[in-house]
């Protein structure tokens, strides 16, 4: 269970606790006005307990329920005669769908996902791209708006249906053509469904994996730091969506290919989605990385080319008008 999920479940537990307290106060108020109702409820509890004991002492034997049924009917009539709600003594949950349990038929409830979003966002890396949302998209920045609109439609459709299909994307093309923006838009929309997202530059991923290796191999590692690094590593390997930004800008090291293969391979085995952006051409990718990594990228990823001039050269961009 992820930390955001634990935090959200703690909030739901506190809500249930407050709802129980509210119920007790409400019942006490009704009992103070209607002491006969309190006495009747006490009789029902005693009779129910006696019947449960009888069932335990004489399993399989028929139990006379006439007395309990008569008490319950008297209670219903008492409530109706005084216009007291039949459910006055029931807990009123904040979420009526899951009863503040956080789950419906074993799946996370919408309330749980909503509570997780701020914590998922904090862990995602998306705080660096606050403007990267589909609603802020404009084709006025791009030299080929028709093509860019088509790419934007693909990206938004993908995010809207997520996690219905775990397709992987490789966004490639020249700098400043919208790759990182659309990848961040996808990540933002997926995250707001309450799903775990990690958006990191390739260099950050490799550095984190290297740090994890160093800490786990250390004789006496800093336990707090190891826990934090392990949590980020788990999000990279096991999160619902991983965006690897700027593939090709990482320094070449002894573990570069192995670490990239490990991340891509681990996620592939779990059918988890990955989006990669790169300024490299397809030929550059083939030259830079070994055949195993190249094969994975072009066997498991749909390559989408981004073309046009760098939007940072646009007068509108430089003027901050868009």
Foldseek 3Di string as FASTA:
>chain_A
DAPLLVVLLVVLVVQQVVLLVVLVVQVVVVCVVPVVLVVLVVVLVVVVVVQVVVCVVDPPDDDDCPVNVVSVVVNVVVCVVVVNDPCSNPRDGPDPQVSSNQDDPRHGDQSSLQSSLVVLVVLAPLVVPVQLALVNDDLPLFPPSVLVVVVLVVLVVPLVCPPVAQAEAEEEAAAQLCQLSSVSNSQNSNSSSSFHHHEEELQVQVVLVVVLVVQVPDPDHDVVVNVVSVSSNCSLQPTQEYEHEAPPPHDDDPCSQVSVCVSLVSCVVVSHHYYYYHHDDLVRVPVPYDPVVNCSCVVRHDYDYGDGDRSCPPPCVVVVVD
